[in-house]
Each structure stands twice: as C-alpha cells, then as structure tokens.
Amino acid sequence: MMDEASYDLRRLRQWLDGRARGFSRRDLLKLTAAAGVGTATIATVDGTPAAAAGPIVKPLPPELFTVLGTNAEMRWSAMAGQGYLVPIDRFFVRNHTSTPIIDPDTWRLHLTGAGLTRGPVDYSYRDLRRLPAHTVTAAVECAGNGRSFFTTQQGRTVSGTAWQLGAVGVARWRGVRLSTLLRHAGLGGNAVDVMPAGLDPNYVTGGVDLGPVRRPLPVRKALRDVLVAYEMNGEALPADHGGPVRLIVPHWIGIASIKWLGSIEVADEPLFSPWNTQFYRLFGPGFPAEGQPFDRQVVKSAFELDRGAQVVAGRHTRLRGRSWSAGGAIRHVDVSTDGGTNWRRARPVGGSEGAAWQRWEVDWRPTAGEHELLARATDRRGNTQPDVAVHNTLGYLFDAVVRHPVVAV
C-alpha cells in the first residue's frame, strides 16, 4: 500500500463497487452530463481548466520559461551551468487554477477525521516551526511531463498541457514529517487513508465545481516519507510552489504533493476524489474503460540546451544533461549524436543527492549541418527508456528516448 499503483488500483475497485466517500458515481454522472462527454474524455480537462485563472506570481522571463496557460515550463537551457538543484526562479509551475497568496501568520492546517483519537487539531505556521524539522531532496514531476512528444515524435493525438520535458524540478525541501503531525494529533489504529486538500481556488469544469485540489494517500505511505514542507532550497516556500506550506510525496506523481496545504482528513474508511478516480489515469485503446492506475513515474533524460540550438562545427562541444527515474538512482546514460546509429556511455557528473536525478556529460566534435541527439537512461532496477512510449489519450508517462535536433554551423 506504499506503492502508488497498487494503492490506486485497490481504491479504484472499491470506488467502482460503490464503496466511496468524497467523490461518488453520482458526482461523475453530473460531471459527464455537464461536459457532454464520456467517462474517458472527462479526464482531458487535466490540462485545460475551465475556471478563470489569475497570473502566476513570479516573473516568467522567456529565457527561463515557456508559458502554457496557467502553467510555466522550465527551459532546459536555463539549467546549463547550474548545480544539482533547480533554482526557485526557474522551477516549473503547475496550477489547476491560480496561485493564491496566503499570509503565514493567519494560515492554519486543520487535521480532522474519525481516524484521530484526539479530535480535530489545528496547527499554525509557528507551531510547525517548533516541531522537529526534517530535510529531503526530492523531485516533483507532473504526470504529463513529455506529453507533447506523443504528437510531435509519435504522431498520436493526446489531450492536456503540451509539456516538453520541463515539468520537473529537484529541490531541497525542509519541514515536518507528516508522521510527526499524525502521531501528535493522535493517530488511531483504525485510520485507513489521509486526504490532503489545498487552499487554491476551487476547480470548475463543465460547469461542475469539484472543490479544491485533493488526493488521498494510504496511512502507511503517510507515515513513511511524506513531508509537510515550509522551505524550498533554504528559503521560505514561495507562493507559486505551494507557500506557505505544501506536501512533498517522494516517488509519487506530482499531483500527490498538494500545494497550499490547508487541511488533512484522517479517515477510518477509503477516501476518494476526482483526482484519484477520473483524473490521472490511463485511458484509451488497450486500457479498461474506467482507466488504469499509474505506476511510478518513468525514466527520462534531457539535454541542457534548447531544441534547434546552434553549436559550432568542427570544434569541441561538451553536451550536458540530466536523467531521472522514480524507480531509483540512474545506473548509466548512453548518448547518440547521429540519430541513434552509434551510442556512447556518458560520464556521470557529481553525486545524486536523494537519488533525485543524475547529471552527465559527453564530448562531441560536430560536422557542419543538422544533427539529432538522443539520450537513453537506465536506472538501478533495470528500467530503460524505450524507443516508443505506450500511447494513452491523456499523454501521461512519456518515457521514450526524445529526439533532440541541433544545428552545427
């Protein structure tokens, strides 16, 4: 029950059997009727929220970001010359609606539910700061990262935000273990699920108000490695990244790491939300009608330069990039500079703090003309990037080797 896929599959079966609280099948029918589409199509709202959204708060200079509606994708060229962590000023932003501005002095975290023995408990920002602190280096990655390549590289239509590979970031997060809060609040032996919910504006689609973004976790996972974070890379958590307080759920898809955390229900029964019944599932040919739960995020690699970038012909060029996998540390990375005909092993650069990702480099002396770069990573479990990713209508979990064009002049 600490593995996201097995937990998600079990909860899906319970929801289909009618053992649901938090999001019923009646709610689904209302959503379907309002949207005028079928079950599988409903999930396409993931990338196109219907509610009016305000601007992202932080500056979004074009040399650092590509703006995609309510979201902002990091440009990989912006990571050239940077260290292991993604600086806050270029960390990607994924919003379902808009970034709220919340005063830490008035913010409260409400813990409620039948799974607590001491009743409802509230924590202030100052309360969190007084509790034992813990630091973790972890990646946060949108489930749709790489989605655009289903179309541009594999010629298949998908729905949602057209991310390339910049919807991922690694940061050093500091805060309080969720297990500390749960035990402090009197976690009961009957507790089954916890439901974190955000304080961002309610998500409305097809005229149906689905409420705040929320997604349940099993108690076992909550007690293991989940962090209630109030700092990012040594600074107070910025608004666009969930400030004043957010959840960090290592190895699970980004939607689990709820931003602008405001409440956590601790229940003695299974919990459900639109974000674990209809959204963030695999739909399409080859998948069940109700959708297939995700496994962990997949293996990916990216070069630290723009697509179509120019390099100098006949001169030594050092290509740099990063590879990552929710399956664990990267074992090795192979790079091709001729479209996949020949491959060379890249040199690892530095360590792999938290096994979040691995930097690497390879030397190259290009001839004049167009070239296609490829990077293929293999993690410690033996997971390797394939040539073709398994298609699904929402474009999740793209793991194929990405073809990266450059021009030598």
Protein backbone atom coordinates (compact mmCIF):
# COMPACT_ATOMS: atom_id res chain seq x y z
CA MET A 1 0.00 0.00 0.00
CA MET A 2 3.02 2.30 -0.18
CA ASP A 3 3.27 1.74 -3.92
CA GLU A 4 1.11 4.22 -5.77
CA ALA A 5 -0.12 1.87 -8.48
CA SER A 6 -1.28 -0.93 -6.16
CA TYR A 7 -2.95 1.54 -3.80
CA ASP A 8 -4.64 3.34 -6.66
CA LEU A 9 -5.92 0.09 -8.21
CA ARG A 10 -7.40 -1.08 -4.91
CA ARG A 11 -9.16 2.23 -4.35
CA LEU A 12 -10.47 2.26 -7.92
CA ARG A 13 -12.06 -1.17 -7.44
CA GLN A 14 -13.65 -0.02 -4.18
CA TRP A 15 -14.99 3.09 -5.89
CA LEU A 16 -16.45 1.05 -8.75
CA ASP A 17 -18.10 -1.22 -6.17
CA GLY A 18 -19.83 1.80 -4.67
CA ARG A 19 -17.75 1.89 -1.51
CA ALA A 20 -16.93 5.56 -1.92
CA ARG A 21 -16.82 8.71 0.10
CA GLY A 22 -15.59 12.02 -1.21
CA PHE A 23 -16.50 11.57 -4.88
CA SER A 24 -19.45 9.40 -5.82
CA ARG A 25 -20.58 7.92 -9.12
CA ARG A 26 -23.50 10.36 -8.99
CA ASP A 27 -20.92 13.18 -8.99
CA LEU A 28 -19.33 11.57 -12.02
CA LEU A 29 -22.67 11.45 -13.87
CA LYS A 30 -23.23 15.15 -13.13
CA LEU A 31 -19.78 15.93 -14.46
CA THR A 32 -20.36 13.79 -17.55
CA ALA A 33 -23.72 15.43 -18.29
CA ALA A 34 -22.33 18.92 -17.82
CA ALA A 35 -19.33 18.28 -20.02
CA GLY A 36 -21.32 16.36 -22.62
CA VAL A 37 -18.59 13.74 -22.97
CA GLY A 38 -17.91 10.18 -21.93
CA THR A 39 -16.01 8.90 -18.92
CA ALA A 40 -12.61 8.64 -20.54
CA THR A 41 -12.88 12.07 -22.13
CA ILE A 42 -13.65 13.83 -18.88
CA ALA A 43 -10.09 13.42 -17.74
CA THR A 44 -8.93 15.59 -20.64
CA VAL A 45 -9.73 18.65 -18.55
CA ASP A 46 -6.44 17.98 -16.75
CA GLY A 47 -4.61 20.43 -18.98
CA THR A 48 -7.42 22.87 -19.75
CA PRO A 49 -9.15 24.10 -16.59
CA ALA A 50 -12.42 25.88 -17.32
CA ALA A 51 -12.25 28.22 -14.34
CA ALA A 52 -10.73 31.66 -14.95
CA ALA A 53 -7.21 31.68 -13.57
CA GLY A 54 -5.10 34.52 -12.32
CA PRO A 55 -1.46 35.01 -13.24
CA ILE A 56 1.48 33.12 -11.85
CA VAL A 57 3.09 35.39 -9.28
CA LYS A 58 6.81 35.09 -10.01
CA PRO A 59 8.46 36.58 -13.12
CA LEU A 60 8.47 34.32 -16.17
CA PRO A 61 11.26 35.60 -18.46
CA PRO A 62 11.26 33.82 -21.84
CA GLU A 63 14.87 32.72 -21.43
CA LEU A 64 13.80 30.66 -18.40
CA PHE A 65 10.23 29.59 -19.13
CA THR A 66 7.70 28.62 -21.75
CA VAL A 67 4.28 29.76 -20.53
CA LEU A 68 1.44 27.28 -21.15
CA GLY A 69 -1.80 28.86 -19.93
CA THR A 70 -1.89 28.64 -16.13
CA ASN A 71 1.40 26.72 -16.17
CA ALA A 72 5.05 27.56 -16.83
CA GLU A 73 7.56 25.04 -18.16
CA MET A 74 11.25 25.33 -17.34
CA ARG A 75 13.51 25.72 -20.39
CA TRP A 76 16.27 23.14 -20.14
CA SER A 77 18.84 25.59 -21.47
CA ALA A 78 18.22 27.54 -18.25
CA MET A 79 19.85 24.70 -16.30
CA ALA A 80 23.18 24.96 -18.14
CA GLY A 81 25.86 25.82 -15.61
CA GLN A 82 23.53 25.32 -12.65
CA GLY A 83 24.16 22.97 -9.75
CA TYR A 84 22.25 19.90 -8.69
CA LEU A 85 19.10 21.73 -7.53
CA VAL A 86 16.75 23.74 -9.72
CA PRO A 87 16.85 27.36 -8.57
CA ILE A 88 13.48 28.70 -7.45
CA ASP A 89 13.50 31.37 -10.17
CA ARG A 90 13.35 28.66 -12.86
CA PHE A 91 11.40 25.88 -11.13
CA PHE A 92 8.33 24.90 -13.19
CA VAL A 93 4.80 25.90 -12.12
CA ARG A 94 1.77 23.61 -12.42
CA ASN A 95 -1.54 25.24 -11.42
CA HIS A 96 -5.04 23.85 -11.83
CA THR A 97 -6.47 27.34 -11.32
CA SER A 98 -4.32 30.19 -9.98
CA THR A 99 -1.71 30.93 -7.34
CA PRO A 100 -3.28 32.10 -4.06
CA ILE A 101 -1.48 34.50 -1.74
CA ILE A 102 -1.73 33.21 1.83
CA ASP A 103 -0.47 35.01 4.93
CA PRO A 104 1.64 32.61 7.05
CA ASP A 105 0.52 34.44 10.21
CA THR A 106 -3.14 33.57 9.60
CA TRP A 107 -2.62 30.21 7.90
CA ARG A 108 -3.84 27.11 9.70
CA LEU A 109 -3.60 23.40 8.97
CA HIS A 110 -6.71 21.53 10.08
CA LEU A 111 -6.43 17.82 10.92
CA THR A 112 -9.82 16.14 11.25
CA GLY A 113 -11.48 12.77 10.88
CA ALA A 114 -12.55 9.55 12.56
CA GLY A 115 -9.01 8.23 12.32
CA LEU A 116 -7.83 10.64 15.03
CA THR A 117 -8.26 9.80 18.71
CA ARG A 118 -7.94 13.37 19.98
CA GLY A 119 -10.45 15.06 17.71
CA PRO A 120 -9.76 17.96 15.36
CA VAL A 121 -6.35 19.58 15.76
CA ASP A 122 -5.14 22.87 14.25
CA TYR A 123 -1.54 23.86 13.62
CA SER A 124 -0.26 27.35 12.93
CA TYR A 125 2.82 28.14 10.88
CA ARG A 126 4.66 28.87 14.12
CA ASP A 127 3.57 25.50 15.53
CA LEU A 128 5.14 23.71 12.58
CA ARG A 129 8.38 25.62 13.00
CA ARG A 130 8.57 24.48 16.63
CA LEU A 131 8.34 20.79 15.76
CA PRO A 132 11.40 18.69 14.80
CA ALA A 133 12.48 19.59 11.27
CA HIS A 134 13.45 17.20 8.51
CA THR A 135 15.07 17.86 5.11
CA VAL A 136 14.70 15.80 1.95
CA THR A 137 15.98 16.27 -1.60
CA ALA A 138 13.27 15.13 -3.98
CA ALA A 139 11.94 15.59 -7.48
CA VAL A 140 8.46 16.86 -8.23
CA GLU A 141 7.26 15.96 -11.72
CA CYS A 142 3.94 16.47 -13.48
CA ALA A 143 2.46 13.19 -14.72
CA GLY A 144 2.13 14.75 -18.18
CA ASN A 145 5.77 15.78 -18.48
CA GLY A 146 6.87 15.00 -22.05
CA ARG A 147 3.25 14.84 -23.28
CA SER A 148 3.89 16.86 -26.46
CA PHE A 149 6.21 14.17 -27.84
CA PHE A 150 3.33 11.73 -28.20
CA THR A 151 2.23 14.05 -31.04
CA THR A 152 5.44 15.55 -32.42
CA GLN A 153 7.50 12.37 -32.24
CA GLN A 154 4.96 9.53 -32.39
CA GLY A 155 2.18 11.20 -34.41
CA ARG A 156 -0.56 10.44 -31.86
CA THR A 157 -3.21 12.85 -30.57
CA VAL A 158 -3.36 13.48 -26.83
CA SER A 159 -5.12 15.98 -24.56
CA GLY A 160 -3.73 18.27 -21.89
CA THR A 161 -0.95 20.77 -21.40
CA ALA A 162 1.67 20.34 -24.15
CA TRP A 163 4.68 19.93 -21.87
CA GLN A 164 8.01 19.06 -23.41
CA LEU A 165 10.42 17.89 -20.65
CA GLY A 166 10.46 20.93 -18.36
CA ALA A 167 7.64 19.97 -15.96
CA VAL A 168 10.10 18.52 -13.46
CA GLY A 169 12.28 20.00 -10.77
CA VAL A 170 14.55 18.86 -7.96
CA ALA A 171 14.73 20.89 -4.75
CA ARG A 172 15.80 20.53 -1.16
CA TRP A 173 12.64 20.67 0.93
CA ARG A 174 12.52 21.30 4.69
CA GLY A 175 9.59 20.86 7.02
CA VAL A 176 7.91 18.43 9.40
CA ARG A 177 7.34 14.77 8.70
CA LEU A 178 3.65 14.07 8.19
CA SER A 179 4.08 11.12 10.55
CA THR A 180 5.09 13.56 13.30
CA LEU A 181 1.87 15.56 12.87
CA LEU A 182 -0.35 12.49 12.65
CA ARG A 183 1.06 10.96 15.82
CA HIS A 184 0.99 14.31 17.59
CA ALA A 185 -2.70 14.62 16.66
CA GLY A 186 -3.47 11.12 17.97
CA LEU A 187 -3.44 8.74 15.02
CA GLY A 188 -5.82 5.87 15.72
CA GLY A 189 -5.30 2.23 14.88
CA ASN A 190 -8.44 2.43 12.75
CA ALA A 191 -7.00 5.02 10.36
CA VAL A 192 -7.04 3.96 6.70
CA ASP A 193 -6.50 6.99 4.42
CA VAL A 194 -5.49 10.62 4.70
CA MET A 195 -6.87 13.27 2.33
CA PRO A 196 -4.72 16.42 1.99
CA ALA A 197 -6.54 19.37 0.38
CA GLY A 198 -5.24 22.66 -0.99
CA LEU A 199 -6.34 26.23 -0.41
CA ASP A 200 -6.22 27.20 -4.10
CA PRO A 201 -9.47 28.28 -5.82
CA ASN A 202 -11.98 25.51 -6.48
CA TYR A 203 -11.53 23.66 -9.76
CA VAL A 204 -14.55 24.06 -12.04
CA THR A 205 -15.01 22.13 -15.28
CA GLY A 206 -18.07 21.65 -17.45
CA GLY A 207 -19.97 23.88 -15.04
CA VAL A 208 -19.36 21.45 -12.17
CA ASP A 209 -17.49 22.68 -9.09
CA LEU A 210 -15.15 19.89 -7.98
CA GLY A 211 -13.84 21.80 -4.98
CA PRO A 212 -10.19 22.23 -4.02
CA VAL A 213 -7.48 20.00 -5.44
CA ARG A 214 -7.14 16.96 -3.18
CA ARG A 215 -5.90 13.39 -3.47
CA PRO A 216 -5.79 10.65 -0.81
CA LEU A 217 -2.82 8.69 0.49
CA PRO A 218 -2.74 5.44 2.45
CA VAL A 219 -1.75 5.90 6.09
CA ARG A 220 1.19 3.58 5.56
CA LYS A 221 2.70 5.87 2.93
CA ALA A 222 1.91 8.96 5.02
CA LEU A 223 3.87 7.50 7.92
CA ARG A 224 6.86 6.57 5.81
CA ASP A 225 8.37 9.51 3.94
CA VAL A 226 5.81 12.29 3.32
CA LEU A 227 6.90 15.81 4.29
CA VAL A 228 4.85 18.86 5.24
CA ALA A 229 7.25 21.41 3.75
CA TYR A 230 7.66 25.10 4.53
CA GLU A 231 11.08 25.73 2.93
CA MET A 232 12.46 25.21 -0.57
CA ASN A 233 16.20 25.42 -1.27
CA GLY A 234 16.76 27.19 2.05
CA GLU A 235 14.09 29.84 1.55
CA ALA A 236 10.54 30.20 2.79
CA LEU A 237 8.29 28.32 0.39
CA PRO A 238 7.22 30.74 -2.39
CA ALA A 239 3.56 31.20 -3.29
CA ASP A 240 3.81 29.60 -6.75
CA HIS A 241 5.31 26.47 -5.25
CA GLY A 242 2.73 25.99 -2.52
CA GLY A 243 3.64 28.53 0.13
CA PRO A 244 3.31 28.86 2.98
CA VAL A 245 3.06 25.05 3.33
CA ARG A 246 2.77 22.14 0.88
CA LEU A 247 3.07 18.37 0.86
CA ILE A 248 6.02 16.53 -0.68
CA VAL A 249 5.28 12.89 -1.52
CA PRO A 250 8.52 11.31 -2.79
CA HIS A 251 8.31 8.99 -5.83
CA TRP A 252 4.60 9.62 -6.45
CA ILE A 253 3.32 11.74 -9.33
CA GLY A 254 3.29 15.48 -8.75
CA ILE A 255 -0.45 15.81 -8.10
CA ALA A 256 0.05 13.92 -4.81
CA SER A 257 2.29 16.71 -3.49
CA ILE A 258 -0.62 19.03 -2.72
CA LYS A 259 0.28 22.73 -2.77
CA TRP A 260 -1.12 25.40 -0.40
CA LEU A 261 -1.97 22.72 2.13
CA GLY A 262 -4.94 23.68 4.31
CA SER A 263 -6.48 20.51 5.68
CA ILE A 264 -5.87 16.79 6.10
CA GLU A 265 -8.72 14.38 6.77
CA VAL A 266 -7.70 11.20 8.56
CA ALA A 267 -10.41 8.64 7.84
CA ASP A 268 -11.28 5.16 9.05
CA GLU A 269 -12.54 4.22 5.57
CA PRO A 270 -11.31 4.56 1.97
CA LEU A 271 -11.31 8.11 0.60
CA PHE A 272 -11.80 9.26 -2.97
CA SER A 273 -11.61 12.43 -5.03
CA PRO A 274 -11.84 13.31 -8.73
CA TRP A 275 -8.05 13.24 -8.72
CA ASN A 276 -7.88 9.52 -7.96
CA THR A 277 -11.00 8.30 -9.77
CA GLN A 278 -11.28 10.18 -13.07
CA PHE A 279 -8.16 12.30 -13.42
CA TYR A 280 -4.61 10.96 -13.58
CA ARG A 281 -5.46 7.60 -15.10
CA LEU A 282 -4.50 5.90 -18.35
CA PHE A 283 -7.35 5.90 -20.89
CA GLY A 284 -7.54 4.73 -24.48
CA PRO A 285 -7.29 1.53 -26.56
CA GLY A 286 -5.80 -1.26 -24.52
CA PHE A 287 -6.87 0.24 -21.19
CA PRO A 288 -10.04 -0.56 -19.21
CA ALA A 289 -12.99 1.82 -19.65
CA GLU A 290 -12.61 3.08 -16.08
CA GLY A 291 -8.93 3.83 -16.70
CA GLN A 292 -5.77 2.17 -15.49
CA PRO A 293 -4.00 3.46 -12.38
CA PHE A 294 -0.49 4.81 -12.80
CA ASP A 295 2.63 3.02 -11.87
CA ARG A 296 5.52 5.14 -10.60
CA GLN A 297 6.85 7.88 -12.82
CA VAL A 298 9.08 6.69 -15.63
CA VAL A 299 12.70 7.12 -16.76
CA LYS A 300 13.52 10.31 -18.65
CA SER A 301 16.54 12.23 -19.95
CA ALA A 302 17.02 15.81 -21.11
CA PHE A 303 19.85 17.81 -22.69
CA GLU A 304 20.67 21.17 -21.14
CA LEU A 305 20.14 23.09 -24.37
CA ASP A 306 17.22 24.24 -26.47
CA ARG A 307 15.75 22.17 -29.28
CA GLY A 308 17.16 23.51 -32.53
CA ALA A 309 20.12 25.10 -30.74
CA GLN A 310 23.23 26.01 -32.72
CA VAL A 311 26.65 24.57 -31.92
CA VAL A 312 29.99 25.35 -33.56
CA ALA A 313 31.00 22.93 -36.31
CA GLY A 314 34.48 21.39 -36.12
CA ARG A 315 35.05 22.46 -32.52
CA HIS A 316 34.95 20.51 -29.29
CA THR A 317 31.49 20.65 -27.70
CA ARG A 318 30.59 19.27 -24.29
CA LEU A 319 27.00 18.12 -24.20
CA ARG A 320 25.43 18.07 -20.75
CA GLY A 321 22.16 16.73 -19.46
CA ARG A 322 20.24 15.07 -16.64
CA SER A 323 18.38 11.78 -16.26
CA TRP A 324 15.93 10.71 -13.57
CA SER A 325 13.59 7.90 -12.56
CA ALA A 326 11.13 7.31 -9.74
CA GLY A 327 12.46 3.75 -9.76
CA GLY A 328 15.68 4.90 -8.10
CA ALA A 329 19.16 6.12 -8.94
CA ILE A 330 20.35 6.21 -12.55
CA ARG A 331 22.83 3.42 -13.35
CA HIS A 332 24.09 4.78 -16.67
CA VAL A 333 23.22 7.01 -19.62
CA ASP A 334 24.03 6.38 -23.29
CA VAL A 335 24.15 9.24 -25.78
CA SER A 336 23.92 9.27 -29.58
CA THR A 337 24.85 12.28 -31.72
CA ASP A 338 23.84 10.72 -35.04
CA GLY A 339 20.17 9.93 -34.59
CA GLY A 340 20.67 6.58 -32.86
CA THR A 341 23.14 4.84 -35.18
CA ASN A 342 26.00 4.92 -32.68
CA TRP A 343 25.93 5.23 -28.89
CA ARG A 344 28.49 6.24 -26.26
CA ARG A 345 28.39 5.99 -22.48
CA ALA A 346 28.08 9.43 -20.87
CA ARG A 347 30.25 10.43 -17.91
CA PRO A 348 28.36 11.00 -14.64
CA VAL A 349 28.88 14.44 -13.11
CA GLY A 350 28.77 14.83 -9.36
CA GLY A 351 26.69 12.79 -6.96
CA SER A 352 22.98 12.01 -6.88
CA GLU A 353 21.58 13.59 -3.74
CA GLY A 354 18.44 11.75 -2.74
CA ALA A 355 18.74 9.75 -6.00
CA ALA A 356 16.56 12.52 -7.45
CA TRP A 357 18.45 12.66 -10.74
CA GLN A 358 21.91 12.29 -12.27
CA ARG A 359 23.88 14.90 -14.20
CA TRP A 360 26.07 13.68 -17.05
CA GLU A 361 28.22 14.88 -19.96
CA VAL A 362 29.73 13.66 -23.22
CA ASP A 363 32.22 15.28 -25.60
CA TRP A 364 31.47 15.77 -29.28
CA ARG A 365 33.08 17.42 -32.32
CA PRO A 366 30.18 18.01 -34.75
CA THR A 367 30.45 18.36 -38.51
CA ALA A 368 28.51 21.14 -40.22
CA GLY A 369 24.81 20.50 -40.71
CA GLU A 370 21.78 19.17 -38.87
CA HIS A 371 22.16 16.56 -36.15
CA GLU A 372 19.81 14.61 -33.89
CA LEU A 373 20.86 13.99 -30.30
CA LEU A 374 19.44 11.19 -28.17
CA ALA A 375 19.97 10.23 -24.53
CA ARG A 376 18.85 6.90 -23.07
CA ALA A 377 18.99 6.28 -19.31
CA THR A 378 18.81 3.06 -17.33
CA ASP A 379 18.02 3.09 -13.60
CA ARG A 380 19.27 0.73 -10.91
CA ARG A 381 16.18 -1.50 -11.30
CA GLY A 382 16.99 -2.04 -14.96
CA ASN A 383 14.26 0.26 -16.31
CA THR A 384 15.45 1.69 -19.64
CA GLN A 385 13.92 4.30 -21.90
CA PRO A 386 12.24 2.63 -24.90
CA ASP A 387 12.14 3.86 -28.49
CA VAL A 388 8.34 4.28 -28.34
CA ALA A 389 6.18 5.22 -25.36
CA VAL A 390 2.86 3.46 -24.74
CA HIS A 391 0.14 5.78 -26.05
CA ASN A 392 -2.73 6.91 -23.84
CA THR A 393 -5.27 9.61 -24.65
CA LEU A 394 -4.13 11.95 -21.87
CA GLY A 395 -0.46 11.72 -22.75
CA TYR A 396 0.83 10.57 -19.37
CA LEU A 397 4.12 8.82 -18.57
CA PHE A 398 6.04 9.55 -21.78
CA ASP A 399 9.30 7.64 -21.34
CA ALA A 400 10.64 7.17 -24.86
CA VAL A 401 14.04 8.50 -25.91
CA VAL A 402 13.43 12.07 -27.08
CA ARG A 403 14.97 13.15 -30.38
CA HIS A 404 16.69 16.48 -29.88
CA PRO A 405 17.59 18.42 -33.06
CA VAL A 406 20.60 20.77 -33.19
CA VAL A 407 22.46 22.55 -35.99
CA ALA A 408 26.24 22.82 -36.28
CA VAL A 409 27.38 25.96 -38.12
